[in-house]
């Protein structure tokens, strides 16, 4: 029997969750994914002030995306297959500026993504 923490989900990352150090700190392993993109979104930067996130990423500003309504806008990133437990860990890593939503990627894959809250 599979528990909910063992079920795999897809997470699309366009920022620091693609960094090996961030993955090791949050998931205890390096993730392997595939390139994909998200049409209809645009990216900007947000200042990070959370000391734990700053220590993990080593960056004072992280990318953040929001829906633009323009299909010509596109965010390039990586889609990872992770466990529900790892998704909960990612939720803990992301600061209050972000919220998690479900999106349809250019490849046709449904995935979770963190967007501007």
Protein backbone atom coordinates (compact mmCIF):
# COMPACT_ATOMS: atom_id res chain seq x y z
CA UNK A 1 0.00 0.00 0.00
CA UNK A 2 1.25 3.49 -0.88
CA UNK A 3 0.90 6.29 1.64
CA UNK A 4 0.21 9.87 0.64
CA UNK A 5 3.83 10.82 1.38
CA UNK A 6 5.07 8.19 -1.09
CA UNK A 7 2.93 9.34 -4.02
CA UNK A 8 4.81 11.25 -6.68
CA UNK A 9 3.81 14.72 -7.79
CA UNK A 10 5.34 17.07 -10.33
CA UNK A 11 6.91 20.38 -9.36
CA UNK A 12 7.97 22.99 -11.92
CA UNK A 13 10.89 25.14 -10.82
CA UNK A 14 12.19 28.27 -12.49
CA UNK A 15 14.38 29.44 -9.61
CA UNK A 16 16.35 28.30 -6.59
CA UNK A 17 14.68 24.89 -6.28
CA UNK A 18 16.81 23.98 -9.32
CA UNK A 19 19.98 24.59 -7.25
CA UNK A 20 21.71 21.46 -5.96
CA UNK A 21 22.45 23.00 -2.53
CA UNK A 22 18.82 24.04 -2.07
CA UNK A 23 17.64 20.55 -3.07
CA UNK A 24 20.02 18.84 -0.66
CA UNK A 25 18.98 21.17 2.18
CA UNK A 26 15.24 20.71 1.59
CA UNK A 27 14.91 17.18 0.21
CA UNK A 28 18.09 15.45 1.31
CA UNK A 29 18.83 14.49 -2.28
CA UNK A 30 19.60 15.97 -5.67
CA UNK A 31 16.59 16.08 -7.97
CA UNK A 32 16.69 15.10 -11.62
CA UNK A 33 14.14 16.62 -13.96
CA UNK A 34 13.44 17.63 -17.50
CA UNK A 35 13.31 20.98 -19.23
CA UNK A 36 9.86 22.48 -19.74
CA UNK A 37 8.22 25.90 -19.86
CA UNK A 38 5.11 27.73 -18.71
CA UNK A 39 3.41 30.00 -21.23
CA UNK A 40 1.36 33.01 -20.14
CA UNK A 41 3.55 34.00 -17.19
CA UNK A 42 6.22 36.65 -16.65
CA UNK A 43 9.07 36.77 -14.13
CA UNK A 44 10.47 39.45 -11.82
CA UNK A 45 12.68 39.37 -8.72
CA UNK A 46 11.65 39.51 -5.06
CA UNK A 47 13.88 40.40 -2.11
CA UNK A 48 14.32 37.57 0.39
CA UNK A 49 14.67 38.49 4.07
CA UNK A 50 14.08 35.11 5.73
CA UNK A 51 17.44 34.16 7.31
CA UNK A 52 17.00 30.41 6.74
CA UNK A 53 16.16 30.85 3.06
CA UNK A 54 19.04 33.31 2.62
CA UNK A 55 21.43 30.81 4.20
CA UNK A 56 20.17 27.95 2.04
CA UNK A 57 20.10 29.74 -1.32
CA UNK A 58 22.91 32.24 -0.74
CA UNK A 59 20.88 34.79 -2.71
CA UNK A 60 19.17 38.00 -1.53
CA UNK A 61 16.76 38.07 -4.49
CA UNK A 62 14.81 35.17 -5.97
CA UNK A 63 12.77 35.02 -9.16
CA UNK A 64 8.98 35.07 -8.81
CA UNK A 65 6.34 34.71 -11.51
CA UNK A 66 2.80 35.87 -12.09
CA UNK A 67 0.23 35.20 -14.78
CA UNK A 68 0.44 37.77 -17.56
CA UNK A 69 -2.46 36.69 -19.74
CA UNK A 70 -0.11 36.92 -22.74
CA UNK A 71 0.63 33.52 -24.32
CA UNK A 72 3.84 35.00 -25.80
CA UNK A 73 5.27 35.35 -22.26
CA UNK A 74 6.99 32.15 -21.18
CA UNK A 75 8.93 30.94 -18.14
CA UNK A 76 11.65 28.35 -18.75
CA UNK A 77 12.50 25.87 -16.02
CA UNK A 78 12.65 22.26 -14.93
CA UNK A 79 9.88 19.85 -13.97
CA UNK A 80 10.76 17.42 -11.19
CA UNK A 81 8.97 14.33 -9.96
CA UNK A 82 8.97 14.47 -6.15
CA UNK A 83 7.08 12.90 -3.26
CA UNK A 84 4.23 14.58 -1.43
CA UNK A 85 6.54 14.81 1.59
CA UNK A 86 9.13 16.66 -0.51
CA UNK A 87 6.39 18.98 -1.78
CA UNK A 88 5.54 19.79 1.85
CA UNK A 89 9.25 20.55 2.43
CA UNK A 90 9.20 22.90 -0.57
CA UNK A 91 6.15 24.62 0.92
CA UNK A 92 8.17 25.24 4.09
CA UNK A 93 11.12 26.63 2.11
CA UNK A 94 9.10 29.16 0.11
CA UNK A 95 8.50 32.49 1.86
CA UNK A 96 5.13 34.25 2.20
CA UNK A 97 5.62 36.07 -1.13
CA UNK A 98 4.87 32.75 -2.88
CA UNK A 99 1.83 30.51 -3.14
CA UNK A 100 1.60 27.09 -4.75
CA UNK A 101 -0.81 26.57 -7.67
CA UNK A 102 -1.41 23.87 -10.25
CA UNK A 103 -0.57 24.72 -13.87
CA UNK A 104 -0.45 23.07 -17.28
CA UNK A 105 3.05 23.24 -18.73
CA UNK A 106 3.85 23.67 -22.43
CA UNK A 107 4.57 19.92 -22.66
CA UNK A 108 1.01 19.13 -21.52
CA UNK A 109 2.15 18.03 -18.05
CA UNK A 110 0.21 19.17 -14.96
CA UNK A 111 2.55 20.42 -12.24
CA UNK A 112 2.70 22.48 -9.07
CA UNK A 113 4.46 25.84 -9.26
CA UNK A 114 5.13 28.67 -6.83
CA UNK A 115 3.79 32.02 -8.06
CA UNK A 116 3.43 35.48 -6.56
CA UNK A 117 0.99 35.36 -3.63
